[in-house]
């Protein structure tokens, strides 16, 4: 696990928010894409382990956000696969099972969850959120940001500003306002 190299007890107090966003590749079909496929229960246990590790480092569940995989546009992703001489290696219904597991772990571990799989499909033209049927397009990234921002803002609103508010900056000498220390 790479987590200890990124977050550990020494730096955990500096962590404001952790976002975990896995599942799109994990939900590959085992027969068609064994390199990326992660069995559903293993995926669920991996998410649990990641959250459990963070909790063990002193990061509270209120600082953790899980994001489900986005839906899959099988028709578009099928074209990509065909161009590569491959069979369709993912199904939207299977991705939905992984999204459900992600939500279950969030409930179990009392973290926040952005159910991107459901939120996107609630939009009429949800396929525009995917550049190739699998990966987020620019619009998809913006949609994710709109879903994630209120949760992240709610979790970070209490934090002090590091830099002064824009209207407090001396525009003739901005470095004077922006360099440490500032009061």
N, C-alpha and C. Protein backbone atom coordinates (compact mmCIF):
# COMPACT_ATOMS: atom_id res chain seq x y z
N UNK A 1 0.84 -1.17 0.00
CA UNK A 1 0.00 0.00 0.00
C UNK A 1 0.89 1.25 0.00
N UNK A 2 0.52 2.21 -0.80
CA UNK A 2 1.30 3.44 -0.94
C UNK A 2 0.92 4.48 0.11
N UNK A 3 -0.22 4.32 0.75
CA UNK A 3 -0.69 5.34 1.70
C UNK A 3 0.34 5.78 2.73
N UNK A 4 1.09 4.87 3.37
CA UNK A 4 2.05 5.31 4.38
C UNK A 4 3.11 6.28 3.84
N UNK A 5 3.38 6.22 2.54
CA UNK A 5 4.35 7.13 1.95
C UNK A 5 3.76 8.53 1.77
N UNK A 6 2.44 8.61 1.77
CA UNK A 6 1.77 9.88 1.54
C UNK A 6 1.24 10.47 2.85
N UNK A 7 0.57 9.63 3.63
CA UNK A 7 -0.04 10.08 4.89
C UNK A 7 0.39 9.14 6.00
N UNK A 8 0.90 9.74 7.07
CA UNK A 8 1.30 8.94 8.23
C UNK A 8 1.03 9.77 9.49
N UNK A 9 1.32 9.19 10.64
CA UNK A 9 1.02 9.88 11.90
C UNK A 9 1.75 11.21 12.03
N UNK A 10 2.93 11.32 11.41
CA UNK A 10 3.70 12.56 11.50
C UNK A 10 3.04 13.72 10.75
N UNK A 11 2.35 13.43 9.65
CA UNK A 11 1.76 14.53 8.88
C UNK A 11 0.23 14.52 8.87
N UNK A 12 -0.37 13.56 9.53
CA UNK A 12 -1.83 13.43 9.51
C UNK A 12 -2.54 14.67 10.04
N UNK A 13 -1.94 15.35 10.99
CA UNK A 13 -2.59 16.54 11.55
C UNK A 13 -2.67 17.68 10.53
N UNK A 14 -1.85 17.62 9.49
CA UNK A 14 -1.88 18.64 8.43
C UNK A 14 -2.93 18.35 7.36
N UNK A 15 -3.48 17.15 7.39
CA UNK A 15 -4.43 16.74 6.35
C UNK A 15 -5.79 17.39 6.61
N UNK A 16 -6.28 18.07 5.59
CA UNK A 16 -7.58 18.73 5.68
C UNK A 16 -8.66 17.84 5.08
N UNK A 17 -8.32 17.13 4.01
CA UNK A 17 -9.30 16.35 3.28
C UNK A 17 -8.59 15.25 2.50
N UNK A 18 -9.19 14.07 2.47
CA UNK A 18 -8.69 12.97 1.65
C UNK A 18 -9.83 12.53 0.74
N UNK A 19 -9.55 12.46 -0.54
CA UNK A 19 -10.55 12.03 -1.52
C UNK A 19 -10.05 10.73 -2.14
N UNK A 20 -10.90 9.71 -2.09
CA UNK A 20 -10.57 8.40 -2.65
C UNK A 20 -11.53 8.15 -3.81
N UNK A 21 -10.96 7.95 -5.00
CA UNK A 21 -11.75 7.85 -6.24
C UNK A 21 -11.22 6.67 -7.04
N UNK A 22 -11.77 5.49 -6.80
CA UNK A 22 -11.37 4.27 -7.49
C UNK A 22 -12.59 3.52 -7.98
N UNK A 23 -12.40 2.66 -8.95
CA UNK A 23 -13.47 1.76 -9.35
C UNK A 23 -13.68 1.60 -10.83
N UNK A 24 -13.37 2.62 -11.62
CA UNK A 24 -13.63 2.53 -13.06
C UNK A 24 -12.80 1.43 -13.71
N UNK A 25 -11.54 1.32 -13.35
CA UNK A 25 -10.70 0.25 -13.89
C UNK A 25 -10.92 -1.06 -13.15
N UNK A 26 -11.13 -0.96 -11.84
CA UNK A 26 -11.36 -2.16 -11.04
C UNK A 26 -12.55 -2.96 -11.56
N UNK A 27 -13.55 -2.27 -12.09
CA UNK A 27 -14.77 -2.94 -12.53
C UNK A 27 -14.66 -3.55 -13.93
N UNK A 28 -13.47 -3.59 -14.48
CA UNK A 28 -13.26 -4.27 -15.76
C UNK A 28 -13.71 -5.72 -15.64
N UNK A 29 -14.14 -6.28 -16.75
CA UNK A 29 -14.55 -7.69 -16.75
C UNK A 29 -13.32 -8.58 -16.66
N UNK A 30 -13.35 -9.53 -15.78
CA UNK A 30 -12.19 -10.39 -15.53
C UNK A 30 -11.74 -11.12 -16.80
N UNK A 31 -12.70 -11.61 -17.56
CA UNK A 31 -12.38 -12.40 -18.75
C UNK A 31 -11.73 -11.55 -19.84
N UNK A 32 -12.12 -10.29 -19.92
CA UNK A 32 -11.66 -9.42 -21.00
C UNK A 32 -10.49 -8.50 -20.62
N UNK A 33 -10.34 -8.25 -19.33
CA UNK A 33 -9.29 -7.32 -18.89
C UNK A 33 -8.77 -7.74 -17.51
N UNK A 34 -8.13 -8.91 -17.44
CA UNK A 34 -7.68 -9.41 -16.14
C UNK A 34 -6.61 -8.54 -15.48
N UNK A 35 -5.89 -7.74 -16.26
CA UNK A 35 -4.84 -6.89 -15.70
C UNK A 35 -5.41 -5.81 -14.79
N UNK A 36 -6.57 -5.29 -15.12
CA UNK A 36 -7.16 -4.21 -14.34
C UNK A 36 -8.29 -4.67 -13.42
N UNK A 37 -8.86 -5.81 -13.70
CA UNK A 37 -10.00 -6.30 -12.91
C UNK A 37 -9.62 -6.53 -11.46
N UNK A 38 -10.47 -6.05 -10.57
CA UNK A 38 -10.37 -6.33 -9.14
C UNK A 38 -11.73 -6.91 -8.74
N UNK A 39 -11.75 -8.12 -8.17
CA UNK A 39 -13.04 -8.69 -7.77
C UNK A 39 -13.81 -7.73 -6.85
N UNK A 40 -15.12 -7.76 -6.96
CA UNK A 40 -15.98 -6.82 -6.25
C UNK A 40 -15.72 -6.80 -4.74
N UNK A 41 -15.64 -7.95 -4.12
CA UNK A 41 -15.40 -8.00 -2.67
C UNK A 41 -14.00 -7.48 -2.32
N UNK A 42 -13.04 -7.75 -3.19
CA UNK A 42 -11.68 -7.24 -2.97
C UNK A 42 -11.68 -5.72 -3.07
N UNK A 43 -12.40 -5.20 -4.05
CA UNK A 43 -12.53 -3.75 -4.20
C UNK A 43 -13.11 -3.14 -2.92
N UNK A 44 -14.19 -3.74 -2.44
CA UNK A 44 -14.83 -3.24 -1.22
C UNK A 44 -13.86 -3.29 -0.04
N UNK A 45 -13.16 -4.41 0.09
CA UNK A 45 -12.19 -4.55 1.18
C UNK A 45 -11.02 -3.57 1.04
N UNK A 46 -10.60 -3.32 -0.20
CA UNK A 46 -9.53 -2.34 -0.43
C UNK A 46 -9.95 -0.94 0.03
N UNK A 47 -11.18 -0.55 -0.31
CA UNK A 47 -11.68 0.75 0.15
C UNK A 47 -11.74 0.79 1.67
N UNK A 48 -12.27 -0.28 2.25
CA UNK A 48 -12.32 -0.36 3.73
C UNK A 48 -10.93 -0.20 4.32
N UNK A 49 -9.97 -0.93 3.74
CA UNK A 49 -8.59 -0.89 4.26
C UNK A 49 -8.00 0.52 4.15
N UNK A 50 -8.27 1.20 3.03
CA UNK A 50 -7.75 2.56 2.87
C UNK A 50 -8.33 3.49 3.92
N UNK A 51 -9.64 3.41 4.11
CA UNK A 51 -10.29 4.26 5.11
C UNK A 51 -9.81 3.88 6.51
N UNK A 52 -9.74 2.59 6.78
CA UNK A 52 -9.27 2.11 8.09
C UNK A 52 -7.86 2.63 8.38
N UNK A 53 -7.00 2.59 7.38
CA UNK A 53 -5.64 3.10 7.55
C UNK A 53 -5.67 4.58 7.92
N UNK A 54 -6.45 5.36 7.19
CA UNK A 54 -6.54 6.80 7.46
C UNK A 54 -7.05 7.06 8.87
N UNK A 55 -8.08 6.33 9.26
CA UNK A 55 -8.62 6.48 10.61
C UNK A 55 -7.56 6.16 11.66
N UNK A 56 -6.77 5.14 11.38
CA UNK A 56 -5.70 4.73 12.29
C UNK A 56 -4.58 5.76 12.41
N UNK A 57 -4.46 6.62 11.41
CA UNK A 57 -3.44 7.68 11.45
C UNK A 57 -3.97 8.93 12.15
N UNK A 58 -5.22 8.89 12.55
CA UNK A 58 -5.81 10.03 13.24
C UNK A 58 -6.62 10.96 12.36
N UNK A 59 -6.89 10.53 11.15
CA UNK A 59 -7.73 11.33 10.25
C UNK A 59 -9.17 10.89 10.46
N UNK A 60 -10.00 11.81 10.91
CA UNK A 60 -11.39 11.48 11.21
C UNK A 60 -12.21 11.22 9.95
N UNK A 61 -13.29 10.47 10.09
CA UNK A 61 -14.13 10.16 8.93
C UNK A 61 -14.73 11.40 8.27
N UNK A 62 -14.85 12.48 9.04
CA UNK A 62 -15.39 13.72 8.48
C UNK A 62 -14.43 14.36 7.47
N UNK A 63 -13.19 13.89 7.42
CA UNK A 63 -12.20 14.43 6.48
C UNK A 63 -12.03 13.54 5.25
N UNK A 64 -12.84 12.49 5.14
CA UNK A 64 -12.68 11.52 4.06
C UNK A 64 -13.90 11.55 3.15
N UNK A 65 -13.65 11.63 1.85
CA UNK A 65 -14.72 11.58 0.85
C UNK A 65 -14.41 10.45 -0.12
N UNK A 66 -15.36 9.55 -0.28
CA UNK A 66 -15.25 8.50 -1.30
C UNK A 66 -16.05 8.95 -2.52
N UNK A 67 -15.54 8.66 -3.69
CA UNK A 67 -16.24 8.96 -4.94
C UNK A 67 -16.42 7.65 -5.70
N UNK A 68 -17.65 7.39 -6.10
CA UNK A 68 -17.92 6.17 -6.87
C UNK A 68 -17.35 6.32 -8.28
N UNK A 69 -17.14 5.19 -8.96
CA UNK A 69 -16.76 5.32 -10.37
C UNK A 69 -17.91 5.96 -11.15
N UNK A 70 -17.59 6.66 -12.22
CA UNK A 70 -18.65 7.21 -13.05
C UNK A 70 -19.32 6.09 -13.84
N UNK A 71 -20.47 6.36 -14.43
CA UNK A 71 -21.09 5.34 -15.27
C UNK A 71 -20.24 5.08 -16.52
N UNK A 72 -20.58 4.03 -17.21
CA UNK A 72 -19.88 3.66 -18.44
C UNK A 72 -20.84 3.79 -19.61
N UNK A 73 -20.42 4.48 -20.64
CA UNK A 73 -21.17 4.52 -21.90
C UNK A 73 -20.64 3.37 -22.74
N UNK A 74 -21.36 2.26 -22.70
CA UNK A 74 -20.88 1.04 -23.36
C UNK A 74 -20.69 1.21 -24.86
N UNK A 75 -21.57 1.97 -25.51
CA UNK A 75 -21.45 2.14 -26.96
C UNK A 75 -20.15 2.85 -27.32
N UNK A 76 -19.85 3.94 -26.63
CA UNK A 76 -18.62 4.69 -26.92
C UNK A 76 -17.38 3.91 -26.51
N UNK A 77 -17.40 3.29 -25.34
CA UNK A 77 -16.24 2.53 -24.90
C UNK A 77 -16.04 1.31 -25.79
N UNK A 78 -17.13 0.76 -26.28
CA UNK A 78 -17.05 -0.37 -27.21
C UNK A 78 -16.31 0.01 -28.48
N UNK A 79 -16.50 1.24 -28.97
CA UNK A 79 -15.78 1.72 -30.15
C UNK A 79 -14.27 1.78 -29.87
N UNK A 80 -13.91 2.28 -28.68
CA UNK A 80 -12.49 2.37 -28.30
C UNK A 80 -11.89 0.97 -28.26
N UNK A 81 -12.61 0.05 -27.66
CA UNK A 81 -12.12 -1.33 -27.56
C UNK A 81 -11.96 -1.94 -28.95
N UNK A 82 -12.95 -1.73 -29.80
CA UNK A 82 -12.91 -2.29 -31.16
C UNK A 82 -11.72 -1.75 -31.94
N UNK A 83 -11.44 -0.44 -31.80
CA UNK A 83 -10.28 0.16 -32.48
C UNK A 83 -8.97 -0.48 -32.04
N UNK A 84 -8.95 -0.99 -30.82
CA UNK A 84 -7.75 -1.64 -30.28
C UNK A 84 -7.77 -3.15 -30.50
N UNK A 85 -8.78 -3.63 -31.23
CA UNK A 85 -8.90 -5.06 -31.49
C UNK A 85 -9.33 -5.86 -30.28
N UNK A 86 -10.03 -5.21 -29.37
CA UNK A 86 -10.48 -5.86 -28.13
C UNK A 86 -11.99 -5.97 -28.10
N UNK A 87 -12.48 -6.87 -27.26
CA UNK A 87 -13.91 -6.96 -26.99
C UNK A 87 -14.24 -5.92 -25.92
N UNK A 88 -15.52 -5.59 -25.83
CA UNK A 88 -15.97 -4.70 -24.77
C UNK A 88 -15.55 -5.30 -23.43
N UNK A 89 -14.80 -4.54 -22.63
CA UNK A 89 -14.22 -5.10 -21.41
C UNK A 89 -14.82 -4.53 -20.12
N UNK A 90 -15.93 -3.82 -20.26
CA UNK A 90 -16.63 -3.28 -19.10
C UNK A 90 -18.12 -3.21 -19.43
N UNK A 91 -18.94 -3.25 -18.39
CA UNK A 91 -20.38 -3.09 -18.54
C UNK A 91 -20.87 -2.08 -17.50
N UNK A 92 -21.80 -1.24 -17.90
CA UNK A 92 -22.30 -0.23 -16.97
C UNK A 92 -22.94 -0.85 -15.74
N UNK A 93 -23.66 -1.94 -15.92
CA UNK A 93 -24.31 -2.59 -14.76
C UNK A 93 -23.27 -3.09 -13.76
N UNK A 94 -22.15 -3.58 -14.25
CA UNK A 94 -21.08 -4.05 -13.36
C UNK A 94 -20.46 -2.85 -12.64
N UNK A 95 -20.22 -1.78 -13.37
CA UNK A 95 -19.70 -0.56 -12.75
C UNK A 95 -20.64 -0.10 -11.65
N UNK A 96 -21.94 -0.25 -11.87
CA UNK A 96 -22.93 0.11 -10.87
C UNK A 96 -22.79 -0.69 -9.59
N UNK A 97 -22.39 -1.95 -9.71
CA UNK A 97 -22.17 -2.78 -8.51
C UNK A 97 -21.00 -2.23 -7.70
N UNK A 98 -19.96 -1.79 -8.38
CA UNK A 98 -18.80 -1.21 -7.70
C UNK A 98 -19.18 0.12 -7.05
N UNK A 99 -20.00 0.90 -7.74
CA UNK A 99 -20.47 2.17 -7.16
C UNK A 99 -21.27 1.90 -5.89
N UNK A 100 -22.11 0.89 -5.94
CA UNK A 100 -22.92 0.53 -4.76
C UNK A 100 -22.02 0.15 -3.59
N UNK A 101 -20.98 -0.63 -3.86
CA UNK A 101 -20.05 -1.04 -2.80
C UNK A 101 -19.33 0.17 -2.21
N UNK A 102 -18.96 1.10 -3.05
CA UNK A 102 -18.30 2.32 -2.58
C UNK A 102 -19.22 3.07 -1.62
N UNK A 103 -20.48 3.20 -1.99
CA UNK A 103 -21.45 3.88 -1.13
C UNK A 103 -21.63 3.13 0.18
N UNK A 104 -21.65 1.80 0.12
CA UNK A 104 -21.80 0.99 1.33
C UNK A 104 -20.63 1.21 2.29
N UNK A 105 -19.42 1.26 1.74
CA UNK A 105 -18.24 1.50 2.59
C UNK A 105 -18.33 2.88 3.23
N UNK A 106 -18.78 3.87 2.48
CA UNK A 106 -18.91 5.22 3.03
C UNK A 106 -19.90 5.23 4.20
N UNK A 107 -21.01 4.54 4.05
CA UNK A 107 -21.99 4.47 5.14
C UNK A 107 -21.39 3.74 6.33
N UNK A 108 -20.77 2.60 6.06
CA UNK A 108 -20.17 1.78 7.11
C UNK A 108 -19.10 2.54 7.89
N UNK A 109 -18.27 3.29 7.18
CA UNK A 109 -17.15 4.00 7.81
C UNK A 109 -17.50 5.44 8.18
N UNK A 110 -18.74 5.84 7.90
CA UNK A 110 -19.25 7.17 8.25
C UNK A 110 -18.48 8.30 7.57
N UNK A 111 -18.11 8.07 6.31
CA UNK A 111 -17.46 9.10 5.52
C UNK A 111 -18.49 9.70 4.57
N UNK A 112 -18.13 10.76 3.91
CA UNK A 112 -18.98 11.32 2.85
C UNK A 112 -18.78 10.49 1.59
N UNK A 113 -19.76 10.58 0.70
CA UNK A 113 -19.65 9.87 -0.58
C UNK A 113 -20.29 10.71 -1.67
N UNK A 114 -19.58 10.83 -2.78
CA UNK A 114 -20.14 11.44 -3.99
C UNK A 114 -20.49 10.27 -4.90
N UNK A 115 -21.78 10.02 -5.07
CA UNK A 115 -22.24 8.91 -5.91
C UNK A 115 -22.28 9.39 -7.36
N UNK A 116 -21.10 9.52 -7.93
CA UNK A 116 -20.96 10.03 -9.29
C UNK A 116 -21.71 9.16 -10.29
N UNK A 117 -21.70 7.87 -10.05
CA UNK A 117 -22.40 6.92 -10.93
C UNK A 117 -23.87 7.30 -11.06
N UNK A 118 -24.52 7.56 -9.95
CA UNK A 118 -25.94 7.90 -9.96
C UNK A 118 -26.17 9.34 -10.39
N UNK A 119 -25.39 10.26 -9.83
CA UNK A 119 -25.59 11.68 -10.14
C UNK A 119 -25.47 11.95 -11.63
N UNK A 120 -24.48 11.36 -12.27
CA UNK A 120 -24.31 11.59 -13.71
C UNK A 120 -25.49 11.05 -14.50
N UNK A 121 -25.92 9.84 -14.15
CA UNK A 121 -27.01 9.23 -14.92
C UNK A 121 -28.35 9.90 -14.66
N UNK A 122 -28.44 10.71 -13.63
CA UNK A 122 -29.65 11.49 -13.39
C UNK A 122 -29.75 12.67 -14.36
N UNK A 123 -28.67 12.97 -15.04
CA UNK A 123 -28.65 14.05 -16.02
C UNK A 123 -29.08 13.51 -17.38
N UNK A 124 -29.87 14.28 -18.10
CA UNK A 124 -30.42 13.84 -19.39
C UNK A 124 -29.32 13.42 -20.37
N UNK A 125 -28.32 14.27 -20.55
CA UNK A 125 -27.25 14.00 -21.51
C UNK A 125 -25.97 13.56 -20.81
N UNK A 126 -26.06 12.59 -19.92
CA UNK A 126 -24.92 12.22 -19.09
C UNK A 126 -23.73 11.72 -19.89
N UNK A 127 -23.94 11.21 -21.08
CA UNK A 127 -22.83 10.67 -21.87
C UNK A 127 -21.80 11.74 -22.25
N UNK A 128 -22.23 13.00 -22.27
CA UNK A 128 -21.30 14.09 -22.59
C UNK A 128 -20.23 14.25 -21.51
N UNK A 129 -20.46 13.66 -20.35
CA UNK A 129 -19.50 13.75 -19.25
C UNK A 129 -18.33 12.79 -19.41
N UNK A 130 -18.37 11.96 -20.46
CA UNK A 130 -17.32 10.97 -20.70
C UNK A 130 -16.69 11.22 -22.06
N UNK A 131 -15.38 11.32 -22.10
CA UNK A 131 -14.69 11.63 -23.35
C UNK A 131 -14.66 10.46 -24.32
N UNK A 132 -14.61 9.26 -23.79
CA UNK A 132 -14.50 8.07 -24.62
C UNK A 132 -15.41 6.95 -24.13
N UNK A 133 -16.36 7.29 -23.29
CA UNK A 133 -17.25 6.30 -22.72
C UNK A 133 -16.82 5.84 -21.34
N UNK A 134 -15.56 6.09 -20.98
CA UNK A 134 -15.01 5.66 -19.69
C UNK A 134 -14.44 6.83 -18.89
N UNK A 135 -13.59 7.61 -19.51
CA UNK A 135 -12.87 8.68 -18.81
C UNK A 135 -13.66 9.98 -18.84
N UNK A 136 -13.52 10.75 -17.78
CA UNK A 136 -14.24 12.01 -17.70
C UNK A 136 -13.77 12.99 -18.78
N UNK A 137 -14.73 13.62 -19.41
CA UNK A 137 -14.43 14.71 -20.34
C UNK A 137 -14.24 15.98 -19.52
N UNK A 138 -13.97 17.07 -20.21
CA UNK A 138 -13.87 18.35 -19.51
C UNK A 138 -15.18 18.65 -18.78
N UNK A 139 -16.30 18.42 -19.48
CA UNK A 139 -17.61 18.64 -18.85
C UNK A 139 -17.82 17.69 -17.68
N UNK A 140 -17.32 16.47 -17.81
CA UNK A 140 -17.43 15.50 -16.72
C UNK A 140 -16.63 15.92 -15.50
N UNK A 141 -15.45 16.46 -15.75
CA UNK A 141 -14.62 16.95 -14.64
C UNK A 141 -15.30 18.14 -13.96
N UNK A 142 -15.91 19.00 -14.76
CA UNK A 142 -16.63 20.14 -14.20
C UNK A 142 -17.84 19.67 -13.40
N UNK A 143 -18.52 18.65 -13.90
CA UNK A 143 -19.67 18.08 -13.18
C UNK A 143 -19.22 17.51 -11.85
N UNK A 144 -18.13 16.75 -11.87
CA UNK A 144 -17.58 16.20 -10.63
C UNK A 144 -17.24 17.32 -9.65
N UNK A 145 -16.62 18.37 -10.15
CA UNK A 145 -16.27 19.50 -9.29
C UNK A 145 -17.52 20.12 -8.66
N UNK A 146 -18.59 20.23 -9.45
CA UNK A 146 -19.84 20.79 -8.91
C UNK A 146 -20.43 19.88 -7.83
N UNK A 147 -20.26 18.58 -7.99
CA UNK A 147 -20.76 17.63 -6.98
C UNK A 147 -19.88 17.64 -5.73
N UNK A 148 -18.59 17.75 -5.93
CA UNK A 148 -17.62 17.64 -4.85
C UNK A 148 -17.45 18.95 -4.07
N UNK A 149 -17.52 20.06 -4.75
CA UNK A 149 -17.22 21.36 -4.13
C UNK A 149 -18.05 21.67 -2.88
N UNK A 150 -19.37 21.47 -2.89
CA UNK A 150 -20.12 21.79 -1.67
C UNK A 150 -19.70 20.95 -0.47
N UNK A 151 -19.38 19.70 -0.71
CA UNK A 151 -18.94 18.82 0.39
C UNK A 151 -17.58 19.27 0.89
N UNK A 152 -16.66 19.52 -0.04
CA UNK A 152 -15.32 19.96 0.35
C UNK A 152 -15.39 21.31 1.05
N UNK A 153 -16.20 22.21 0.54
CA UNK A 153 -16.32 23.53 1.15
C UNK A 153 -16.88 23.41 2.56
N UNK A 154 -17.88 22.56 2.74
CA UNK A 154 -18.47 22.36 4.06
C UNK A 154 -17.43 21.86 5.06
N UNK A 155 -16.50 21.05 4.57
CA UNK A 155 -15.47 20.46 5.43
C UNK A 155 -14.28 21.38 5.65
N UNK A 156 -14.19 22.45 4.87
CA UNK A 156 -13.01 23.33 4.98
C UNK A 156 -13.36 24.78 5.32
N UNK A 157 -14.62 25.12 5.39
CA UNK A 157 -15.02 26.51 5.67
C UNK A 157 -14.46 27.06 6.97
N UNK A 158 -14.22 26.21 7.92
CA UNK A 158 -13.73 26.65 9.23
C UNK A 158 -12.25 27.02 9.23
N UNK A 159 -11.56 26.68 8.16
CA UNK A 159 -10.11 26.92 8.12
C UNK A 159 -9.79 28.39 7.87
N UNK A 160 -8.73 28.88 8.50
CA UNK A 160 -8.35 30.28 8.26
C UNK A 160 -7.73 30.43 6.87
N UNK A 161 -7.84 31.63 6.33
CA UNK A 161 -7.17 31.92 5.07
C UNK A 161 -5.67 31.99 5.30
N UNK A 162 -4.90 31.48 4.36
CA UNK A 162 -3.45 31.56 4.45
C UNK A 162 -2.99 32.92 3.92
N UNK A 163 -3.64 33.37 2.88
CA UNK A 163 -3.30 34.65 2.28
C UNK A 163 -4.44 35.63 2.53
N UNK A 164 -4.15 36.91 2.42
CA UNK A 164 -5.19 37.91 2.66
C UNK A 164 -6.27 37.86 1.58
N UNK A 165 -7.42 38.38 1.92
CA UNK A 165 -8.51 38.50 0.96
C UNK A 165 -8.05 39.39 -0.19
N UNK A 166 -8.57 39.16 -1.37
CA UNK A 166 -8.09 39.88 -2.56
C UNK A 166 -8.17 41.39 -2.41
N UNK A 167 -9.21 41.88 -1.73
CA UNK A 167 -9.34 43.34 -1.64
C UNK A 167 -8.43 43.96 -0.58
N UNK A 168 -7.66 43.12 0.11
CA UNK A 168 -6.69 43.61 1.10
C UNK A 168 -5.28 43.66 0.53
N UNK A 169 -5.13 43.29 -0.71
CA UNK A 169 -3.80 43.23 -1.32
C UNK A 169 -3.43 44.59 -1.89
N UNK A 170 -2.24 45.04 -1.59
CA UNK A 170 -1.70 46.28 -2.13
C UNK A 170 -1.33 46.00 -3.58
N UNK A 171 -2.14 46.48 -4.51
CA UNK A 171 -1.92 46.17 -5.92
C UNK A 171 -0.66 46.81 -6.49
N UNK A 172 -0.16 47.86 -5.86
CA UNK A 172 1.08 48.47 -6.35
C UNK A 172 2.30 47.64 -5.93
N UNK A 173 2.18 46.92 -4.83
CA UNK A 173 3.26 46.05 -4.34
C UNK A 173 2.64 44.78 -3.76
N UNK A 174 2.10 43.91 -4.62
CA UNK A 174 1.40 42.73 -4.11
C UNK A 174 2.26 41.82 -3.25
N UNK A 175 3.57 41.77 -3.54
CA UNK A 175 4.46 40.91 -2.74
C UNK A 175 4.45 41.32 -1.27
N UNK A 176 4.26 42.60 -1.02
CA UNK A 176 4.22 43.09 0.36
C UNK A 176 3.05 42.45 1.12
N UNK A 177 1.94 42.25 0.43
CA UNK A 177 0.75 41.66 1.05
C UNK A 177 0.79 40.14 1.07
N UNK A 178 1.49 39.56 0.11
CA UNK A 178 1.41 38.11 -0.06
C UNK A 178 2.53 37.32 0.59
N UNK A 179 3.65 37.97 0.87
CA UNK A 179 4.76 37.24 1.48
C UNK A 179 4.58 37.11 2.98
N UNK A 180 5.03 35.99 3.51
CA UNK A 180 4.95 35.77 4.96
C UNK A 180 5.87 36.72 5.69
N UNK A 181 5.70 37.07 6.91
CA UNK A 181 4.45 36.83 7.65
C UNK A 181 3.43 37.91 7.32
N UNK A 182 2.19 37.54 7.37
CA UNK A 182 1.13 38.54 7.20
C UNK A 182 0.13 38.36 8.33
N UNK A 183 -0.51 39.43 8.65
CA UNK A 183 -1.43 39.42 9.79
C UNK A 183 -2.85 39.63 9.32
